[in-house]
Amino acid sequence: MNISKTIAVFSFLLMVAGSKTSAQGRFNWTDDQLIEPSELSTIIKSNKNIPVIFSVGPGAVIPGSKDIGMVKESDNLQKFKQHLESISKNSPIVIYCGCCPFEHCPNVRPAIQTLKDMKFTNYKLLNLSHNIKVDWIDKGYPTTD
C-alpha cells in the first residue's frame, strides 16, 4: 500500500472513531444502573425506602433531593463528594441532572465517576433521556413546586 492510501485509510479510521463518541465521551453507566422516572415517583409517593437523591444539575425539582448544583463545576463536585462522605457505601442513591439528553449532559458523567471512585455500590441514574421537563414534570411526577 502506498503512503497516500495509508494516510487516506488512517484518516478514514480516525473520522469513524470520532463519530462514534460524543463530545462528552461514552456513557460510564450500564442500563442496569438506570432507574425509570415512574419507578422513582412511585417510591417517593409511597414514602418508604426512599433513596438518597442528588440533583447534580442546574436545579432540584424532585422532592427530597439534595441540590448539589452542576457538578461539571469543581466547587459543586467537591460539595457532592462531601455529601457522599457521610453516606454508607451501600446506601441506595439516585442521581439526576435533566438539563439535556445524556449524550450532551456535562454533569452525569463526573457524578457517576465520583460514585465509582468512592466505591459506592448501590447507585442509580434517573433515566431522563430528554430532560427533566419532558421526562418528569410533564408526566405529573412529584415536584418541589
Protein backbone atom coordinates (compact mmCIF):
# COMPACT_ATOMS: atom_id res chain seq x y z
CA MET A 1 0.00 0.00 0.00
CA ASN A 2 1.45 3.38 -0.93
CA ILE A 3 1.73 6.27 1.50
CA SER A 4 -1.29 8.14 0.05
CA LYS A 5 -3.57 5.15 0.55
CA THR A 6 -2.20 4.59 4.05
CA ILE A 7 -2.90 8.20 5.00
CA ALA A 8 -6.38 8.03 3.47
CA VAL A 9 -7.23 4.82 5.36
CA PHE A 10 -5.83 6.24 8.62
CA SER A 11 -7.83 9.47 8.16
CA PHE A 12 -10.99 7.50 7.48
CA LEU A 13 -10.49 5.36 10.61
CA LEU A 14 -9.96 8.46 12.74
CA MET A 15 -13.11 10.03 11.32
CA VAL A 16 -15.18 6.89 12.01
CA ALA A 17 -13.78 6.54 15.53
CA GLY A 18 -14.55 10.19 16.24
CA SER A 19 -18.12 9.86 15.02
CA LYS A 20 -18.83 7.01 17.46
CA THR A 21 -18.22 9.16 20.51
CA SER A 22 -19.96 12.31 21.56
CA ALA A 23 -18.29 15.42 22.88
CA GLN A 24 -18.93 14.04 26.36
CA GLY A 25 -17.49 10.62 25.61
CA ARG A 26 -19.12 7.25 26.15
CA PHE A 27 -21.64 6.59 28.88
CA ASN A 28 -19.99 5.42 32.11
CA TRP A 29 -23.05 3.58 33.41
CA THR A 30 -24.96 0.49 32.35
CA ASP A 31 -28.63 0.04 31.55
CA ASP A 32 -28.95 -1.82 34.87
CA GLN A 33 -27.86 1.37 36.64
CA LEU A 34 -30.78 3.38 35.24
CA ILE A 35 -33.97 3.90 37.21
CA GLU A 36 -37.11 4.90 35.36
CA PRO A 37 -38.91 8.10 36.40
CA SER A 38 -42.15 6.18 37.03
CA GLU A 39 -40.34 3.85 39.45
CA LEU A 40 -38.73 6.68 41.43
CA SER A 41 -42.02 8.56 41.50
CA THR A 42 -43.78 5.50 42.95
CA ILE A 43 -41.09 5.14 45.61
CA ILE A 44 -41.35 8.81 46.59
CA LYS A 45 -45.15 8.64 46.77
CA SER A 46 -45.01 5.51 48.95
CA ASN A 47 -42.75 7.36 51.39
CA LYS A 48 -40.92 4.06 52.08
CA ASN A 49 -37.31 3.14 51.39
CA ILE A 50 -36.60 6.41 49.61
CA PRO A 51 -33.03 6.52 48.33
CA VAL A 52 -30.74 9.48 48.87
CA ILE A 53 -31.47 11.63 45.81
CA PHE A 54 -28.95 14.12 44.45
CA SER A 55 -29.61 16.75 41.82
CA VAL A 56 -26.25 17.19 40.07
CA GLY A 57 -27.59 19.67 37.53
CA PRO A 58 -28.98 23.18 37.38
CA GLY A 59 -31.85 22.72 39.83
CA ALA A 60 -33.51 20.28 42.21
CA VAL A 61 -37.16 19.74 41.36
CA ILE A 62 -37.67 16.28 42.82
CA PRO A 63 -38.93 16.31 46.42
CA GLY A 64 -36.29 15.40 48.96
CA SER A 65 -33.41 15.71 46.54
CA LYS A 66 -30.22 17.41 47.66
CA ASP A 67 -29.38 20.32 45.36
CA ILE A 68 -25.67 19.96 44.62
CA GLY A 69 -25.54 22.20 41.56
CA MET A 70 -23.86 21.42 38.28
CA VAL A 71 -21.01 19.02 39.13
CA LYS A 72 -19.13 19.94 35.98
CA GLU A 73 -18.01 22.86 38.16
CA SER A 74 -15.24 21.85 40.57
CA ASP A 75 -16.79 23.56 43.63
CA ASN A 76 -20.02 21.63 43.15
CA LEU A 77 -18.15 18.37 42.54
CA GLN A 78 -16.37 18.93 45.86
CA LYS A 79 -19.74 19.62 47.51
CA PHE A 80 -21.03 16.32 46.10
CA LYS A 81 -18.01 14.44 47.47
CA GLN A 82 -18.51 16.00 50.90
CA HIS A 83 -22.15 14.86 50.99
CA LEU A 84 -21.11 11.36 49.94
CA GLU A 85 -18.53 11.08 52.72
CA SER A 86 -21.32 10.87 55.30
CA ILE A 87 -23.22 8.09 53.49
CA SER A 88 -22.66 4.34 53.72
CA LYS A 89 -21.07 2.86 50.57
CA ASN A 90 -24.06 0.56 50.04
CA SER A 91 -26.79 3.16 50.65
CA PRO A 92 -29.31 3.43 47.83
CA ILE A 93 -28.53 6.59 45.85
CA VAL A 94 -30.20 8.17 42.82
CA ILE A 95 -28.61 10.99 40.87
CA TYR A 96 -30.18 13.15 38.19
CA CYS A 97 -29.44 16.21 36.13
CA GLY A 98 -32.10 16.69 33.47
CA CYS A 99 -30.56 19.68 31.70
CA CYS A 100 -30.41 17.86 28.35
CA PRO A 101 -30.16 14.39 26.77
CA PHE A 102 -27.47 12.17 28.28
CA GLU A 103 -25.19 12.35 25.24
CA HIS A 104 -24.80 16.11 25.81
CA CYS A 105 -25.02 16.28 29.61
CA PRO A 106 -21.87 17.65 31.24
CA ASN A 107 -22.91 16.62 34.77
CA VAL A 108 -23.91 12.96 34.97
CA ARG A 109 -20.55 11.50 33.92
CA PRO A 110 -18.50 13.25 36.63
CA ALA A 111 -21.15 12.33 39.22
CA ILE A 112 -21.13 8.66 38.18
CA GLN A 113 -17.33 8.61 38.11
CA THR A 114 -17.21 10.08 41.61
CA LEU A 115 -19.55 7.36 42.89
CA LYS A 116 -17.33 4.73 41.27
CA ASP A 117 -14.11 6.29 42.56
CA MET A 118 -15.51 6.47 46.09
CA LYS A 119 -16.54 2.79 45.86
CA PHE A 120 -20.32 3.22 46.13
CA THR A 121 -22.18 0.06 45.16
CA ASN A 122 -25.89 0.87 45.11
CA TYR A 123 -26.43 3.91 42.91
CA LYS A 124 -28.77 4.63 40.02
CA LEU A 125 -29.04 7.33 37.40
CA LEU A 126 -32.55 8.64 36.82
CA ASN A 127 -33.36 7.89 33.20
CA LEU A 128 -34.16 11.37 31.94
CA SER A 129 -33.38 10.67 28.31
CA HIS A 130 -34.72 14.03 27.11
CA ASN A 131 -34.71 16.40 30.10
CA ILE A 132 -36.34 16.93 33.49
CA LYS A 133 -39.32 18.80 31.99
CA VAL A 134 -40.29 16.18 29.40
CA ASP A 135 -39.40 13.07 31.41
CA TRP A 136 -40.56 14.15 34.88
CA ILE A 137 -42.52 17.40 35.18
CA ASP A 138 -44.74 16.95 32.11
CA LYS A 139 -45.64 13.41 33.31
CA GLY A 140 -47.07 14.83 36.54
CA TYR A 141 -44.49 13.26 38.85
CA PRO A 142 -43.96 14.95 42.23
CA THR A 143 -42.04 18.24 42.22
CA THR A 144 -40.90 20.69 44.84
CA ASP A 145 -43.11 23.42 43.35
